[in-house]
Amino acid sequence: VSLFLCVPGASEEAAPPLQQSFMIPRKEISMVSDMAKWKRSQAYADYMGFILTLNEGVRGKKLTCEYKVSEPIEKLVALLNTLDRWIDETPPVDQPSRFGNKAFRTWYSKLDQEAEKLVAEVIPKHLADAAPEVALYLKESVGNSTRIDYGTGHEAAFAAFLCCLCKIGVLRVDDQMAIVFKVFNR
């Protein structure tokens, strides 16, 4: 997808590009030298543009201000509520560990199996081909099931997940306040 839709000027009426192709992302940054290539990429420009657009959209606004909550935002919140419900349904394992609880692996396994279905409930049917690609960013955003850890890379993956939803036209510039105040702030 070459057109970044979630930027100033994109409106609720703007249609996503007609020709889109999707692919399962693969890790391209393995060493420090790979960062230069990433910083020159269109994906980097889109990602940073997304983050800066959100920043500008909420600058000077209070969490209590009024904002529009679109249907895609409601669906996204429902997805996050499902993930929360699964946490409640996955009791911690009684274990002697100062690190993450092994029950996370059970929870993550469920997400791994259901992520594409969850994403498909957020995106319109005509964008169903995007679900596997977008779902990978969602899965990468919750932590590492092998190491049972969570860090800034996972947070960045969540922002990339939301950026993908903007790039395919699910989320719009009109959603920026709700993205920050309703999605990020939950």
C-alpha atoms as a PDB file:
ATOM      1  CA  VAL A   1       0.000   0.000   0.000  1.00  0.00           C
ATOM      2  CA  SER A   2       1.634   3.213  -1.078  1.00  0.00           C
ATOM      3  CA  LEU A   3      -0.973   5.754   0.031  1.00  0.00           C
ATOM      4  CA  PHE A   4      -0.916   6.736   3.696  1.00  0.00           C
ATOM      5  CA  LEU A   5      -4.516   7.541   4.567  1.00  0.00           C
ATOM      6  CA  CYS A   6      -4.324   8.543   8.210  1.00  0.00           C
ATOM      7  CA  VAL A   7      -2.723  11.931   7.655  1.00  0.00           C
ATOM      8  CA  PRO A   8      -4.084  15.460   7.650  1.00  0.00           C
ATOM      9  CA  GLY A   9      -6.329  15.925   4.653  1.00  0.00           C
ATOM     10  CA  ALA A  10      -7.642  12.363   4.648  1.00  0.00           C
ATOM     11  CA  SER A  11     -11.320  12.479   5.410  1.00  0.00           C
ATOM     12  CA  GLU A  12     -14.103  10.075   6.245  1.00  0.00           C
ATOM     13  CA  GLU A  13     -15.102  10.146   2.572  1.00  0.00           C
ATOM     14  CA  ALA A  14     -11.631   9.295   1.253  1.00  0.00           C
ATOM     15  CA  ALA A  15     -11.604   5.787  -0.201  1.00  0.00           C
ATOM     16  CA  PRO A  16      -8.715   3.389   0.212  1.00  0.00           C
ATOM     17  CA  PRO A  17      -6.629   2.655  -2.865  1.00  0.00           C
ATOM     18  CA  LEU A  18      -8.216   0.210  -5.289  1.00  0.00           C
ATOM     19  CA  GLN A  19      -5.078  -1.891  -5.797  1.00  0.00           C
ATOM     20  CA  GLN A  20      -3.660  -3.323  -2.604  1.00  0.00           C
ATOM     21  CA  SER A  21      -1.466  -6.303  -1.973  1.00  0.00           C
ATOM     22  CA  PHE A  22      -0.677  -7.730   1.422  1.00  0.00           C
ATOM     23  CA  MET A  23       2.090  -9.945   2.731  1.00  0.00           C
ATOM     24  CA  ILE A  24       3.117 -11.462   6.019  1.00  0.00           C
ATOM     25  CA  PRO A  25       5.753  -9.117   7.477  1.00  0.00           C
ATOM     26  CA  ARG A  26       9.171 -10.489   8.258  1.00  0.00           C
ATOM     27  CA  LYS A  27      11.835  -9.088  10.519  1.00  0.00           C
ATOM     28  CA  GLU A  28      14.215  -6.941   8.473  1.00  0.00           C
ATOM     29  CA  ILE A  29      16.148  -5.257  11.271  1.00  0.00           C
ATOM     30  CA  SER A  30      18.648  -7.691  12.749  1.00  0.00           C
ATOM     31  CA  MET A  31      21.628  -5.458  13.324  1.00  0.00           C
ATOM     32  CA  VAL A  32      22.399  -1.787  13.822  1.00  0.00           C
ATOM     33  CA  SER A  33      23.299  -1.306  10.147  1.00  0.00           C
ATOM     34  CA  ASP A  34      19.759  -2.345   9.136  1.00  0.00           C
ATOM     35  CA  MET A  35      18.368   0.734  10.893  1.00  0.00           C
ATOM     36  CA  ALA A  36      19.668   3.072   8.177  1.00  0.00           C
ATOM     37  CA  LYS A  37      17.725   1.165   5.518  1.00  0.00           C
ATOM     38  CA  TRP A  38      14.588   1.254   7.702  1.00  0.00           C
ATOM     39  CA  LYS A  39      14.920   5.010   8.257  1.00  0.00           C
ATOM     40  CA  ARG A  40      15.058   5.578   4.468  1.00  0.00           C
ATOM     41  CA  SER A  41      11.977   3.435   3.778  1.00  0.00           C
ATOM     42  CA  GLN A  42       8.440   4.521   2.953  1.00  0.00           C
ATOM     43  CA  ALA A  43       7.234   2.328   5.811  1.00  0.00           C
ATOM     44  CA  TYR A  44       9.317   4.364   8.264  1.00  0.00           C
ATOM     45  CA  ALA A  45       7.975   7.632   6.833  1.00  0.00           C
ATOM     46  CA  ASP A  46       4.416   6.318   7.126  1.00  0.00           C
ATOM     47  CA  TYR A  47       4.949   5.033  10.666  1.00  0.00           C
ATOM     48  CA  MET A  48       6.534   8.258  11.891  1.00  0.00           C
ATOM     49  CA  GLY A  49       3.881  10.292  10.066  1.00  0.00           C
ATOM     50  CA  PHE A  50       1.197   8.284  11.841  1.00  0.00           C
ATOM     51  CA  ILE A  51       2.726   8.874  15.268  1.00  0.00           C
ATOM     52  CA  LEU A  52       3.340  12.583  14.623  1.00  0.00           C
ATOM     53  CA  THR A  53      -0.210  13.016  13.283  1.00  0.00           C
ATOM     54  CA  LEU A  54      -1.629  11.482  16.459  1.00  0.00           C
ATOM     55  CA  ASN A  55       0.616  13.717  18.544  1.00  0.00           C
ATOM     56  CA  GLU A  56      -0.512  16.854  16.726  1.00  0.00           C
ATOM     57  CA  GLY A  57      -4.153  15.780  16.918  1.00  0.00           C
ATOM     58  CA  VAL A  58      -4.190  15.656  20.708  1.00  0.00           C
ATOM     59  CA  ARG A  59      -1.711  18.387  21.561  1.00  0.00           C
ATOM     60  CA  GLY A  60      -3.257  20.740  24.096  1.00  0.00           C
ATOM     61  CA  LYS A  61      -6.363  18.569  24.560  1.00  0.00           C
ATOM     62  CA  LYS A  62      -7.502  17.000  27.826  1.00  0.00           C
ATOM     63  CA  LEU A  63      -8.391  13.328  28.222  1.00  0.00           C
ATOM     64  CA  THR A  64     -11.870  14.500  29.178  1.00  0.00           C
ATOM     65  CA  CYS A  65     -12.505  16.456  25.961  1.00  0.00           C
ATOM     66  CA  GLU A  66     -15.257  15.319  23.621  1.00  0.00           C
ATOM     67  CA  TYR A  67     -14.365  13.361  20.495  1.00  0.00           C
ATOM     68  CA  LYS A  68     -16.079  11.198  17.925  1.00  0.00           C
ATOM     69  CA  VAL A  69     -15.949   7.418  18.363  1.00  0.00           C
ATOM     70  CA  SER A  70     -16.373   5.729  14.987  1.00  0.00           C
ATOM     71  CA  GLU A  71     -17.570   2.185  14.396  1.00  0.00           C
ATOM     72  CA  PRO A  72     -14.016   0.957  13.640  1.00  0.00           C
ATOM     73  CA  ILE A  73     -12.835   2.406  16.975  1.00  0.00           C
ATOM     74  CA  GLU A  74     -15.687   0.610  18.760  1.00  0.00           C
ATOM     75  CA  LYS A  75     -14.699  -2.640  17.018  1.00  0.00           C
ATOM     76  CA  LEU A  76     -11.073  -2.104  17.976  1.00  0.00           C
ATOM     77  CA  VAL A  77     -12.035  -1.548  21.618  1.00  0.00           C
ATOM     78  CA  ALA A  78     -14.144  -4.731  21.465  1.00  0.00           C
ATOM     79  CA  LEU A  79     -11.054  -6.603  20.208  1.00  0.00           C
ATOM     80  CA  LEU A  80      -9.020  -5.272  23.149  1.00  0.00           C
ATOM     81  CA  ASN A  81     -11.842  -6.180  25.539  1.00  0.00           C
ATOM     82  CA  THR A  82     -11.707  -9.739  24.183  1.00  0.00           C
ATOM     83  CA  LEU A  83      -7.986  -9.882  24.933  1.00  0.00           C
ATOM     84  CA  ASP A  84      -8.720  -8.641  28.470  1.00  0.00           C
ATOM     85  CA  ARG A  85     -11.445 -11.269  28.910  1.00  0.00           C
ATOM     86  CA  TRP A  86      -8.976 -13.987  27.890  1.00  0.00           C
ATOM     87  CA  ILE A  87      -6.636 -12.747  30.623  1.00  0.00           C
ATOM     88  CA  ASP A  88      -9.430 -13.257  33.155  1.00  0.00           C
ATOM     89  CA  GLU A  89     -10.036 -16.746  31.720  1.00  0.00           C
ATOM     90  CA  THR A  90      -6.342 -17.705  31.968  1.00  0.00           C
ATOM     91  CA  PRO A  91      -5.416 -18.002  35.636  1.00  0.00           C
ATOM     92  CA  PRO A  92      -1.778 -17.518  36.613  1.00  0.00           C
ATOM     93  CA  VAL A  93       0.327 -20.643  37.038  1.00  0.00           C
ATOM     94  CA  ASP A  94       1.598 -21.246  40.567  1.00  0.00           C
ATOM     95  CA  GLN A  95       5.321 -21.102  39.916  1.00  0.00           C
ATOM     96  CA  PRO A  96       8.516 -19.943  41.565  1.00  0.00           C
ATOM     97  CA  SER A  97       9.617 -17.265  39.129  1.00  0.00           C
ATOM     98  CA  ARG A  98      10.531 -13.642  39.368  1.00  0.00           C
ATOM     99  CA  PHE A  99       9.856 -13.213  35.656  1.00  0.00           C
ATOM    100  CA  GLY A 100       6.626 -13.480  33.665  1.00  0.00           C
ATOM    101  CA  ASN A 101       4.040 -16.094  34.518  1.00  0.00           C
ATOM    102  CA  LYS A 102       3.957 -19.156  32.261  1.00  0.00           C
ATOM    103  CA  ALA A 103       0.185 -18.758  31.885  1.00  0.00           C
ATOM    104  CA  PHE A 104       1.055 -16.010  29.396  1.00  0.00           C
ATOM    105  CA  ARG A 105       2.020 -18.758  26.943  1.00  0.00           C
ATOM    106  CA  THR A 106      -1.474 -20.253  27.200  1.00  0.00           C
ATOM    107  CA  TRP A 107      -3.036 -16.834  26.662  1.00  0.00           C
ATOM    108  CA  TYR A 108      -0.680 -16.065  23.772  1.00  0.00           C
ATOM    109  CA  SER A 109      -1.442 -19.424  22.132  1.00  0.00           C
ATOM    110  CA  LYS A 110      -5.115 -18.459  22.053  1.00  0.00           C
ATOM    111  CA  LEU A 111      -4.228 -15.096  20.504  1.00  0.00           C
ATOM    112  CA  ASP A 112      -1.980 -16.829  17.975  1.00  0.00           C
ATOM    113  CA  GLN A 113      -4.909 -19.023  16.906  1.00  0.00           C
ATOM    114  CA  GLU A 114      -7.555 -16.280  16.928  1.00  0.00           C
ATOM    115  CA  ALA A 115      -5.702 -13.119  15.837  1.00  0.00           C
ATOM    116  CA  GLU A 116      -6.756 -13.194  12.175  1.00  0.00           C
ATOM    117  CA  LYS A 117     -10.384 -13.742  13.174  1.00  0.00           C
ATOM    118  CA  LEU A 118     -10.220 -10.862  15.671  1.00  0.00           C
ATOM    119  CA  VAL A 119      -8.706  -8.540  13.063  1.00  0.00           C
ATOM    120  CA  ALA A 120     -11.290  -9.656  10.489  1.00  0.00           C
ATOM    121  CA  GLU A 121     -13.997  -8.401  12.868  1.00  0.00           C
ATOM    122  CA  VAL A 122     -12.419  -4.923  12.822  1.00  0.00           C
ATOM    123  CA  ILE A 123     -11.770  -4.569   9.088  1.00  0.00           C
ATOM    124  CA  PRO A 124     -14.411  -4.530   6.329  1.00  0.00           C
ATOM    125  CA  LYS A 125     -14.978  -7.755   4.388  1.00  0.00           C
ATOM    126  CA  HIS A 126     -13.489  -6.307   1.188  1.00  0.00           C
ATOM    127  CA  LEU A 127     -10.170  -5.985   3.068  1.00  0.00           C
ATOM    128  CA  ALA A 128     -10.161  -9.580   4.351  1.00  0.00           C
ATOM    129  CA  ASP A 129      -6.856 -10.248   2.549  1.00  0.00           C
ATOM    130  CA  ALA A 130      -5.197  -7.777   4.941  1.00  0.00           C
ATOM    131  CA  ALA A 131      -6.099  -9.764   8.072  1.00  0.00           C
ATOM    132  CA  PRO A 132      -3.009 -12.048   8.152  1.00  0.00           C
ATOM    133  CA  GLU A 133      -0.620  -9.109   7.737  1.00  0.00           C
ATOM    134  CA  VAL A 134      -2.346  -6.857  10.250  1.00  0.00           C
ATOM    135  CA  ALA A 135      -2.812  -9.748  12.717  1.00  0.00           C
ATOM    136  CA  LEU A 136       0.934 -10.309  12.909  1.00  0.00           C
ATOM    137  CA  TYR A 137       1.438  -6.763  14.196  1.00  0.00           C
ATOM    138  CA  LEU A 138      -1.270  -7.376  16.798  1.00  0.00           C
ATOM    139  CA  LYS A 139       0.432 -10.589  17.947  1.00  0.00           C
ATOM    140  CA  GLU A 140       3.828  -8.872  18.088  1.00  0.00           C
ATOM    141  CA  SER A 141       2.344  -6.084  20.214  1.00  0.00           C
ATOM    142  CA  VAL A 142       1.468  -8.152  23.279  1.00  0.00           C
ATOM    143  CA  GLY A 143       4.864  -9.536  24.246  1.00  0.00           C
ATOM    144  CA  ASN A 144       7.145 -12.468  23.557  1.00  0.00           C
ATOM    145  CA  SER A 145       5.730 -15.873  24.484  1.00  0.00           C
ATOM    146  CA  THR A 146       9.142 -17.550  24.546  1.00  0.00           C
ATOM    147  CA  ARG A 147      10.874 -15.088  26.856  1.00  0.00           C
ATOM    148  CA  ILE A 148       7.622 -14.018  28.532  1.00  0.00           C
ATOM    149  CA  ASP A 149       8.604 -10.382  28.338  1.00  0.00           C
ATOM    150  CA  TYR A 150       7.269  -7.079  27.100  1.00  0.00           C
ATOM    151  CA  GLY A 151       9.159  -3.990  26.023  1.00  0.00           C
ATOM    152  CA  THR A 152       9.289  -0.932  23.818  1.00  0.00           C
ATOM    153  CA  GLY A 153       9.480  -3.042  20.662  1.00  0.00           C
ATOM    154  CA  HIS A 154       6.103  -4.530  21.527  1.00  0.00           C
ATOM    155  CA  GLU A 155       4.691  -1.060  22.127  1.00  0.00           C
ATOM    156  CA  ALA A 156       6.050  -0.008  18.732  1.00  0.00           C
ATOM    157  CA  ALA A 157       4.348  -3.044  17.184  1.00  0.00           C
ATOM    158  CA  PHE A 158       1.009  -1.899  18.640  1.00  0.00           C
ATOM    159  CA  ALA A 159       1.494   1.511  17.050  1.00  0.00           C
ATOM    160  CA  ALA A 160       2.371  -0.296  13.786  1.00  0.00           C
ATOM    161  CA  PHE A 161      -0.832  -2.362  14.133  1.00  0.00           C
ATOM    162  CA  LEU A 162      -2.864   0.846  14.374  1.00  0.00           C
ATOM    163  CA  CYS A 163      -0.846   2.429  11.556  1.00  0.00           C
ATOM    164  CA  CYS A 164      -1.715  -0.554   9.345  1.00  0.00           C
ATOM    165  CA  LEU A 165      -5.401  -0.016  10.094  1.00  0.00           C
ATOM    166  CA  CYS A 166      -4.963   3.593   8.961  1.00  0.00           C
ATOM    167  CA  LYS A 167      -3.045   2.642   5.831  1.00  0.00           C
ATOM    168  CA  ILE A 168      -5.829   0.336   4.647  1.00  0.00           C
ATOM    169  CA  GLY A 169      -8.475   2.956   5.421  1.00  0.00           C
ATOM    170  CA  VAL A 170     -10.126   1.344   8.449  1.00  0.00           C
ATOM    171  CA  LEU A 171      -9.071   4.160  10.770  1.00  0.00           C
ATOM    172  CA  ARG A 172      -9.165   7.743   9.487  1.00  0.00           C
ATOM    173  CA  VAL A 173      -7.668  11.046  10.480  1.00  0.00           C
ATOM    174  CA  ASP A 174     -11.039  11.804  12.108  1.00  0.00           C
ATOM    175  CA  ASP A 175     -10.275   8.940  14.521  1.00  0.00           C
ATOM    176  CA  GLN A 176      -7.013  10.380  15.825  1.00  0.00           C
ATOM    177  CA  MET A 177      -8.400  11.648  19.134  1.00  0.00           C
ATOM    178  CA  ALA A 178     -10.225   8.378  19.788  1.00  0.00           C
ATOM    179  CA  ILE A 179      -7.089   6.387  18.883  1.00  0.00           C
ATOM    180  CA  VAL A 180      -5.140   8.224  21.568  1.00  0.00           C
ATOM    181  CA  PHE A 181      -7.815   8.860  24.200  1.00  0.00           C
ATOM    182  CA  LYS A 182      -9.865   5.668  23.865  1.00  0.00           C
ATOM    183  CA  VAL A 183      -7.500   3.022  22.463  1.00  0.00           C
ATOM    184  CA  PHE A 184      -4.073   3.971  23.843  1.00  0.00           C
ATOM    185  CA  ASN A 185      -5.523   5.210  27.116  1.00  0.00           C
ATOM    186  CA  ARG A 186      -7.345   2.016  28.073  1.00  0.00           C
END
